[in-house]
């Protein structure tokens, strides 16, 4: 059954007009009145709905049932990702969403090739959120990860969310420095894990020192040097499939 994100609040028995993006997907698939679709609004579970009208650019549906289906990871993993260049950040957001990341915070690190601010940053954030929505539609997630606007490490540390400081939360920085500990070991028993990693070339010594001074523990994924996007996905895989 075709599956779409609906940004409108859903409820069994409701008659609604689908948002433009979902309506366009229904039209591309050439669905007709009487056809069923699956909808999710990001608040939990998913809904079965029946197409009732196909307009030139709009689609109406009747919501028939709700299923309390959840496919979230057993631990909330939050990525603080030094932005890699080109399309690699798009790939990182897509795959992190499929693997169950709770949030992705793009980081404007010292060695980041991409430099975003103002309108460009807002547009890129919208793009990443749209990529996350498409990934949720494909993989079956019913809750959207939060994709934030790019910030510097100093900005994030200054305004870090309360969840990152709560009991049961763990903050780590991927590091090759001596004395680091395996990620799985550091994250054992945690309810929320915040993983900071650098872009191409990694974080600078000063950035790593600042992170550790702010309470991040140096963590290891092994003895090989991974690309930025690979490190993010490897970290998620270790925690959500352990």
C-alpha atoms as a PDB file:
ATOM      1  CA  UNK A   1       0.000   0.000   0.000  1.00  0.00           C
ATOM      2  CA  UNK A   2       1.456   3.448  -0.866  1.00  0.00           C
ATOM      3  CA  UNK A   3       2.709   5.273   2.222  1.00  0.00           C
ATOM      4  CA  UNK A   4       2.905   9.043   2.701  1.00  0.00           C
ATOM      5  CA  UNK A   5       3.739  11.565   5.392  1.00  0.00           C
ATOM      6  CA  UNK A   6       0.877  13.962   6.132  1.00  0.00           C
ATOM      7  CA  UNK A   7       1.829  17.152   7.952  1.00  0.00           C
ATOM      8  CA  UNK A   8      -1.782  17.616   9.093  1.00  0.00           C
ATOM      9  CA  UNK A   9      -2.966  16.054  12.388  1.00  0.00           C
ATOM     10  CA  UNK A  10      -4.751  12.788  11.593  1.00  0.00           C
ATOM     11  CA  UNK A  11      -7.696  11.141  13.341  1.00  0.00           C
ATOM     12  CA  UNK A  12      -9.904   8.156  12.539  1.00  0.00           C
ATOM     13  CA  UNK A  13     -13.074   9.258  10.741  1.00  0.00           C
ATOM     14  CA  UNK A  14     -11.605  12.553   9.476  1.00  0.00           C
ATOM     15  CA  UNK A  15     -12.046  13.811   5.922  1.00  0.00           C
ATOM     16  CA  UNK A  16      -9.025  15.816   4.806  1.00  0.00           C
ATOM     17  CA  UNK A  17      -7.320  17.273   1.765  1.00  0.00           C
ATOM     18  CA  UNK A  18      -3.784  15.966   1.558  1.00  0.00           C
ATOM     19  CA  UNK A  19      -0.885  18.458   1.749  1.00  0.00           C
ATOM     20  CA  UNK A  20       0.577  19.368  -1.679  1.00  0.00           C
ATOM     21  CA  UNK A  21       3.550  16.978  -1.559  1.00  0.00           C
ATOM     22  CA  UNK A  22       1.475  13.939  -0.568  1.00  0.00           C
ATOM     23  CA  UNK A  23      -1.240  14.874  -3.092  1.00  0.00           C
ATOM     24  CA  UNK A  24       1.352  15.095  -5.860  1.00  0.00           C
ATOM     25  CA  UNK A  25       2.674  11.628  -5.005  1.00  0.00           C
ATOM     26  CA  UNK A  26      -0.853  10.188  -5.107  1.00  0.00           C
ATOM     27  CA  UNK A  27      -1.402  11.733  -8.528  1.00  0.00           C
ATOM     28  CA  UNK A  28       1.939  10.476  -9.863  1.00  0.00           C
ATOM     29  CA  UNK A  29       0.913   6.952  -8.848  1.00  0.00           C
ATOM     30  CA  UNK A  30      -2.411   7.512 -10.667  1.00  0.00           C
ATOM     31  CA  UNK A  31      -4.457   6.329  -7.717  1.00  0.00           C
ATOM     32  CA  UNK A  32      -8.218   6.576  -8.013  1.00  0.00           C
ATOM     33  CA  UNK A  33     -11.173   7.093  -5.635  1.00  0.00           C
ATOM     34  CA  UNK A  34     -11.573   3.920  -3.601  1.00  0.00           C
ATOM     35  CA  UNK A  35      -7.839   3.176  -3.482  1.00  0.00           C
ATOM     36  CA  UNK A  36      -6.255   2.904  -0.034  1.00  0.00           C
ATOM     37  CA  UNK A  37      -3.105   4.611   1.242  1.00  0.00           C
ATOM     38  CA  UNK A  38      -1.168   4.600   4.509  1.00  0.00           C
ATOM     39  CA  UNK A  39      -0.576   7.967   6.187  1.00  0.00           C
ATOM     40  CA  UNK A  40       1.493   9.045   9.193  1.00  0.00           C
ATOM     41  CA  UNK A  41       1.697  12.469  10.796  1.00  0.00           C
ATOM     42  CA  UNK A  42       4.796  11.982  12.967  1.00  0.00           C
ATOM     43  CA  UNK A  43       2.870  11.840  16.246  1.00  0.00           C
ATOM     44  CA  UNK A  44       2.911   8.042  16.462  1.00  0.00           C
ATOM     45  CA  UNK A  45       1.365   5.126  14.643  1.00  0.00           C
ATOM     46  CA  UNK A  46      -0.049   5.142  11.131  1.00  0.00           C
ATOM     47  CA  UNK A  47      -3.452   5.484   9.513  1.00  0.00           C
ATOM     48  CA  UNK A  48      -5.286   3.768   6.688  1.00  0.00           C
ATOM     49  CA  UNK A  49      -7.175   6.185   4.437  1.00  0.00           C
ATOM     50  CA  UNK A  50      -9.295   5.862   1.310  1.00  0.00           C
ATOM     51  CA  UNK A  51      -9.056   8.278  -1.611  1.00  0.00           C
ATOM     52  CA  UNK A  52     -12.439   9.975  -2.041  1.00  0.00           C
ATOM     53  CA  UNK A  53     -11.689  12.631  -4.679  1.00  0.00           C
ATOM     54  CA  UNK A  54      -8.966  13.368  -7.214  1.00  0.00           C
ATOM     55  CA  UNK A  55      -8.771  17.015  -8.287  1.00  0.00           C
ATOM     56  CA  UNK A  56      -6.405  18.639 -10.774  1.00  0.00           C
ATOM     57  CA  UNK A  57      -3.885  19.378  -8.058  1.00  0.00           C
ATOM     58  CA  UNK A  58      -5.582  18.251  -4.850  1.00  0.00           C
ATOM     59  CA  UNK A  59      -6.601  14.928  -3.331  1.00  0.00           C
ATOM     60  CA  UNK A  60      -9.212  14.232  -0.642  1.00  0.00           C
ATOM     61  CA  UNK A  61      -9.152  11.165   1.606  1.00  0.00           C
ATOM     62  CA  UNK A  62     -11.248   9.630   4.374  1.00  0.00           C
ATOM     63  CA  UNK A  63      -9.236   8.296   7.335  1.00  0.00           C
ATOM     64  CA  UNK A  64     -10.604   4.885   8.251  1.00  0.00           C
ATOM     65  CA  UNK A  65      -8.341   3.344  10.909  1.00  0.00           C
ATOM     66  CA  UNK A  66      -5.325   3.899  13.149  1.00  0.00           C
ATOM     67  CA  UNK A  67      -2.652   1.310  13.914  1.00  0.00           C
ATOM     68  CA  UNK A  68      -0.340   1.954  16.872  1.00  0.00           C
ATOM     69  CA  UNK A  69       2.728   0.735  15.027  1.00  0.00           C
ATOM     70  CA  UNK A  70       6.141   2.005  16.137  1.00  0.00           C
ATOM     71  CA  UNK A  71       9.478   1.219  14.513  1.00  0.00           C
ATOM     72  CA  UNK A  72      11.803   3.400  16.561  1.00  0.00           C
ATOM     73  CA  UNK A  73      15.261   2.373  17.740  1.00  0.00           C
ATOM     74  CA  UNK A  74      15.637   1.036  21.317  1.00  0.00           C
ATOM     75  CA  UNK A  75      17.919   3.973  22.202  1.00  0.00           C
ATOM     76  CA  UNK A  76      17.567   7.584  21.045  1.00  0.00           C
ATOM     77  CA  UNK A  77      20.714   8.341  19.046  1.00  0.00           C
ATOM     78  CA  UNK A  78      21.434  11.982  18.186  1.00  0.00           C
ATOM     79  CA  UNK A  79      24.115  12.841  15.633  1.00  0.00           C
ATOM     80  CA  UNK A  80      26.105  16.077  15.810  1.00  0.00           C
ATOM     81  CA  UNK A  81      27.692  15.787  12.406  1.00  0.00           C
ATOM     82  CA  UNK A  82      30.520  17.844  10.991  1.00  0.00           C
ATOM     83  CA  UNK A  83      29.108  18.524   7.535  1.00  0.00           C
ATOM     84  CA  UNK A  84      30.832  16.557   4.770  1.00  0.00           C
ATOM     85  CA  UNK A  85      31.108  18.075   1.300  1.00  0.00           C
ATOM     86  CA  UNK A  86      29.023  17.695  -1.832  1.00  0.00           C
ATOM     87  CA  UNK A  87      26.026  15.347  -1.558  1.00  0.00           C
ATOM     88  CA  UNK A  88      27.437  13.310   1.312  1.00  0.00           C
ATOM     89  CA  UNK A  89      25.422  15.204   3.933  1.00  0.00           C
ATOM     90  CA  UNK A  90      22.245  14.371   1.998  1.00  0.00           C
ATOM     91  CA  UNK A  91      23.275  10.701   2.053  1.00  0.00           C
ATOM     92  CA  UNK A  92      24.089  10.892   5.774  1.00  0.00           C
ATOM     93  CA  UNK A  93      20.639  12.315   6.611  1.00  0.00           C
ATOM     94  CA  UNK A  94      18.871   9.702   4.495  1.00  0.00           C
ATOM     95  CA  UNK A  95      20.700   6.712   5.938  1.00  0.00           C
ATOM     96  CA  UNK A  96      20.636   8.028   9.505  1.00  0.00           C
ATOM     97  CA  UNK A  97      16.862   8.369   9.207  1.00  0.00           C
ATOM     98  CA  UNK A  98      16.508   4.811   7.915  1.00  0.00           C
ATOM     99  CA  UNK A  99      18.604   3.508  10.815  1.00  0.00           C
ATOM    100  CA  UNK A 100      16.492   5.360  13.369  1.00  0.00           C
ATOM    101  CA  UNK A 101      18.405   8.491  14.379  1.00  0.00           C
ATOM    102  CA  UNK A 102      16.320  10.669  16.698  1.00  0.00           C
ATOM    103  CA  UNK A 103      17.939  13.865  15.434  1.00  0.00           C
ATOM    104  CA  UNK A 104      20.713  15.173  13.218  1.00  0.00           C
ATOM    105  CA  UNK A 105      22.481  18.414  14.081  1.00  0.00           C
ATOM    106  CA  UNK A 106      24.659  19.573  11.151  1.00  0.00           C
ATOM    107  CA  UNK A 107      27.850  21.063  12.523  1.00  0.00           C
ATOM    108  CA  UNK A 108      29.804  23.875  10.873  1.00  0.00           C
ATOM    109  CA  UNK A 109      33.219  22.626  11.972  1.00  0.00           C
ATOM    110  CA  UNK A 110      36.547  24.306  11.294  1.00  0.00           C
ATOM    111  CA  UNK A 111      37.375  21.818   8.528  1.00  0.00           C
ATOM    112  CA  UNK A 112      33.900  21.729   6.972  1.00  0.00           C
ATOM    113  CA  UNK A 113      34.029  22.480   3.250  1.00  0.00           C
ATOM    114  CA  UNK A 114      30.390  23.593   3.195  1.00  0.00           C
ATOM    115  CA  UNK A 115      29.833  27.037   4.705  1.00  0.00           C
ATOM    116  CA  UNK A 116      26.163  27.850   5.256  1.00  0.00           C
ATOM    117  CA  UNK A 117      24.417  30.813   6.819  1.00  0.00           C
ATOM    118  CA  UNK A 118      21.227  32.813   6.528  1.00  0.00           C
ATOM    119  CA  UNK A 119      18.912  31.906   3.655  1.00  0.00           C
ATOM    120  CA  UNK A 120      21.273  29.238   2.306  1.00  0.00           C
ATOM    121  CA  UNK A 121      21.283  27.471   5.667  1.00  0.00           C
ATOM    122  CA  UNK A 122      17.474  27.620   5.879  1.00  0.00           C
ATOM    123  CA  UNK A 123      17.080  26.165   2.388  1.00  0.00           C
ATOM    124  CA  UNK A 124      19.544  23.380   3.092  1.00  0.00           C
ATOM    125  CA  UNK A 125      17.718  22.538   6.332  1.00  0.00           C
ATOM    126  CA  UNK A 126      14.426  22.303   4.388  1.00  0.00           C
ATOM    127  CA  UNK A 127      16.118  20.004   1.883  1.00  0.00           C
ATOM    128  CA  UNK A 128      17.467  17.736   4.616  1.00  0.00           C
ATOM    129  CA  UNK A 129      14.066  17.604   6.330  1.00  0.00           C
ATOM    130  CA  UNK A 130      12.444  16.618   3.022  1.00  0.00           C
ATOM    131  CA  UNK A 131      15.055  13.872   2.593  1.00  0.00           C
ATOM    132  CA  UNK A 132      14.238  12.613   6.097  1.00  0.00           C
ATOM    133  CA  UNK A 133      10.499  12.580   5.289  1.00  0.00           C
ATOM    134  CA  UNK A 134      11.098  10.531   2.131  1.00  0.00           C
ATOM    135  CA  UNK A 135      13.306   8.121   4.048  1.00  0.00           C
ATOM    136  CA  UNK A 136      10.596   7.648   6.696  1.00  0.00           C
ATOM    137  CA  UNK A 137       8.017   6.958   3.991  1.00  0.00           C
ATOM    138  CA  UNK A 138      10.294   4.322   2.479  1.00  0.00           C
ATOM    139  CA  UNK A 139      11.545   2.578   5.640  1.00  0.00           C
ATOM    140  CA  UNK A 140       8.318   2.539   7.671  1.00  0.00           C
ATOM    141  CA  UNK A 141       9.194   4.974  10.462  1.00  0.00           C
ATOM    142  CA  UNK A 142       6.221   6.850  11.889  1.00  0.00           C
ATOM    143  CA  UNK A 143       8.181   9.532  13.715  1.00  0.00           C
ATOM    144  CA  UNK A 144      10.331  12.079  11.907  1.00  0.00           C
ATOM    145  CA  UNK A 145      13.853  12.788  13.147  1.00  0.00           C
ATOM    146  CA  UNK A 146      14.582  16.402  13.998  1.00  0.00           C
ATOM    147  CA  UNK A 147      16.940  18.013  11.465  1.00  0.00           C
ATOM    148  CA  UNK A 148      18.350  21.257  12.832  1.00  0.00           C
ATOM    149  CA  UNK A 149      19.981  24.226  11.130  1.00  0.00           C
ATOM    150  CA  UNK A 150      23.789  24.203  11.016  1.00  0.00           C
ATOM    151  CA  UNK A 151      25.605  25.665  14.028  1.00  0.00           C
ATOM    152  CA  UNK A 152      29.179  25.820  15.276  1.00  0.00           C
ATOM    153  CA  UNK A 153      30.340  23.539  18.070  1.00  0.00           C
ATOM    154  CA  UNK A 154      30.552  26.502  20.451  1.00  0.00           C
ATOM    155  CA  UNK A 155      26.946  27.457  19.637  1.00  0.00           C
ATOM    156  CA  UNK A 156      25.688  23.913  20.196  1.00  0.00           C
ATOM    157  CA  UNK A 157      27.511  23.514  23.516  1.00  0.00           C
ATOM    158  CA  UNK A 158      26.105  26.848  24.702  1.00  0.00           C
ATOM    159  CA  UNK A 159      22.514  25.899  23.814  1.00  0.00           C
ATOM    160  CA  UNK A 160      22.621  22.096  24.096  1.00  0.00           C
ATOM    161  CA  UNK A 161      19.187  20.598  24.825  1.00  0.00           C
ATOM    162  CA  UNK A 162      18.220  19.542  28.322  1.00  0.00           C
ATOM    163  CA  UNK A 163      17.875  15.924  27.120  1.00  0.00           C
ATOM    164  CA  UNK A 164      21.623  15.822  26.470  1.00  0.00           C
ATOM    165  CA  UNK A 165      22.295  16.673  30.115  1.00  0.00           C
ATOM    166  CA  UNK A 166      19.612  14.473  31.669  1.00  0.00           C
ATOM    167  CA  UNK A 167      20.396  11.387  33.781  1.00  0.00           C
ATOM    168  CA  UNK A 168      20.824   8.394  31.510  1.00  0.00           C
ATOM    169  CA  UNK A 169      22.145  10.476  28.617  1.00  0.00           C
ATOM    170  CA  UNK A 170      25.645   9.986  27.247  1.00  0.00           C
ATOM    171  CA  UNK A 171      27.657  12.424  25.123  1.00  0.00           C
ATOM    172  CA  UNK A 172      30.630  11.165  23.122  1.00  0.00           C
ATOM    173  CA  UNK A 173      33.019  12.552  20.548  1.00  0.00           C
ATOM    174  CA  UNK A 174      34.506  10.158  18.012  1.00  0.00           C
ATOM    175  CA  UNK A 175      38.237  10.450  18.502  1.00  0.00           C
ATOM    176  CA  UNK A 176      41.491   8.670  17.715  1.00  0.00           C
ATOM    177  CA  UNK A 177      43.255  10.124  20.757  1.00  0.00           C
ATOM    178  CA  UNK A 178      44.909   7.854  23.287  1.00  0.00           C
ATOM    179  CA  UNK A 179      42.613   6.840  26.126  1.00  0.00           C
ATOM    180  CA  UNK A 180      39.428   6.680  24.062  1.00  0.00           C
ATOM    181  CA  UNK A 181      36.993   3.870  24.837  1.00  0.00           C
ATOM    182  CA  UNK A 182      34.752   1.760  22.584  1.00  0.00           C
ATOM    183  CA  UNK A 183      31.485   3.479  21.715  1.00  0.00           C
ATOM    184  CA  UNK A 184      29.389   0.478  22.794  1.00  0.00           C
ATOM    185  CA  UNK A 185      31.077   0.479  26.191  1.00  0.00           C
ATOM    186  CA  UNK A 186      30.462   4.184  26.783  1.00  0.00           C
ATOM    187  CA  UNK A 187      26.833   3.979  25.596  1.00  0.00           C
ATOM    188  CA  UNK A 188      25.928   0.855  27.571  1.00  0.00           C
ATOM    189  CA  UNK A 189      22.663   1.385  29.432  1.00  0.00           C
ATOM    190  CA  UNK A 190      22.086   4.894  28.059  1.00  0.00           C
ATOM    191  CA  UNK A 191      18.617   6.068  27.035  1.00  0.00           C
ATOM    192  CA  UNK A 192      19.947   8.928  24.884  1.00  0.00           C
ATOM    193  CA  UNK A 193      23.315   8.998  23.127  1.00  0.00           C
ATOM    194  CA  UNK A 194      24.725  12.170  21.548  1.00  0.00           C
ATOM    195  CA  UNK A 195      27.507  11.445  19.062  1.00  0.00           C
ATOM    196  CA  UNK A 196      29.777  14.236  17.845  1.00  0.00           C
ATOM    197  CA  UNK A 197      32.001  13.634  14.847  1.00  0.00           C
ATOM    198  CA  UNK A 198      33.960  15.766  12.448  1.00  0.00           C
ATOM    199  CA  UNK A 199      33.836  16.412   8.692  1.00  0.00           C
ATOM    200  CA  UNK A 200      36.563  15.456   6.214  1.00  0.00           C
ATOM    201  CA  UNK A 201      39.816  15.724   8.117  1.00  0.00           C
ATOM    202  CA  UNK A 202      38.016  15.349  11.441  1.00  0.00           C
ATOM    203  CA  UNK A 203      37.635  17.842  14.244  1.00  0.00           C
ATOM    204  CA  UNK A 204      40.607  20.042  15.083  1.00  0.00           C
ATOM    205  CA  UNK A 205      42.532  19.475  18.292  1.00  0.00           C
ATOM    206  CA  UNK A 206      40.933  22.616  19.696  1.00  0.00           C
ATOM    207  CA  UNK A 207      37.409  21.377  18.831  1.00  0.00           C
ATOM    208  CA  UNK A 208      38.042  17.982  20.423  1.00  0.00           C
ATOM    209  CA  UNK A 209      39.451  19.638  23.536  1.00  0.00           C
ATOM    210  CA  UNK A 210      36.418  21.956  23.748  1.00  0.00           C
ATOM    211  CA  UNK A 211      34.032  19.011  23.392  1.00  0.00           C
ATOM    212  CA  UNK A 212      35.775  17.010  26.105  1.00  0.00           C
ATOM    213  CA  UNK A 213      35.845  20.053  28.384  1.00  0.00           C
ATOM    214  CA  UNK A 214      32.063  20.323  27.824  1.00  0.00           C
ATOM    215  CA  UNK A 215      31.536  16.746  29.000  1.00  0.00           C
ATOM    216  CA  UNK A 216      31.923  14.625  25.860  1.00  0.00           C
ATOM    217  CA  UNK A 217      33.822  11.372  26.374  1.00  0.00           C
ATOM    218  CA  UNK A 218      36.290  10.350  23.612  1.00  0.00           C
ATOM    219  CA  UNK A 219      34.912   7.267  21.848  1.00  0.00           C
ATOM    220  CA  UNK A 220      36.373   4.808  19.369  1.00  0.00           C
ATOM    221  CA  UNK A 221      34.859   2.828  16.489  1.00  0.00           C
ATOM    222  CA  UNK A 222      38.027   0.830  15.967  1.00  0.00           C
ATOM    223  CA  UNK A 223      41.512   1.384  14.628  1.00  0.00           C
ATOM    224  CA  UNK A 224      40.576   2.524  11.118  1.00  0.00           C
ATOM    225  CA  UNK A 225      39.956   6.081   9.936  1.00  0.00           C
ATOM    226  CA  UNK A 226      36.429   6.351   8.524  1.00  0.00           C
ATOM    227  CA  UNK A 227      34.879   8.968   6.280  1.00  0.00           C
ATOM    228  CA  UNK A 228      32.585  11.405   8.070  1.00  0.00           C
ATOM    229  CA  UNK A 229      29.381   9.884   6.743  1.00  0.00           C
ATOM    230  CA  UNK A 230      30.649   6.338   7.317  1.00  0.00           C
ATOM    231  CA  UNK A 231      31.486   7.134  10.941  1.00  0.00           C
ATOM    232  CA  UNK A 232      27.963   8.424  11.548  1.00  0.00           C
ATOM    233  CA  UNK A 233      26.323   5.338  10.064  1.00  0.00           C
ATOM    234  CA  UNK A 234      28.734   2.943  11.795  1.00  0.00           C
ATOM    235  CA  UNK A 235      27.971   4.601  15.139  1.00  0.00           C
ATOM    236  CA  UNK A 236      24.230   4.277  14.635  1.00  0.00           C
ATOM    237  CA  UNK A 237      24.531   0.661  13.528  1.00  0.00           C
ATOM    238  CA  UNK A 238      26.528  -0.282  16.619  1.00  0.00           C
ATOM    239  CA  UNK A 239      23.861   1.118  18.940  1.00  0.00           C
ATOM    240  CA  UNK A 240      20.534   0.372  17.251  1.00  0.00           C
ATOM    241  CA  UNK A 241      21.414  -3.218  16.318  1.00  0.00           C
ATOM    242  CA  UNK A 242      23.324  -4.188  19.461  1.00  0.00           C
END
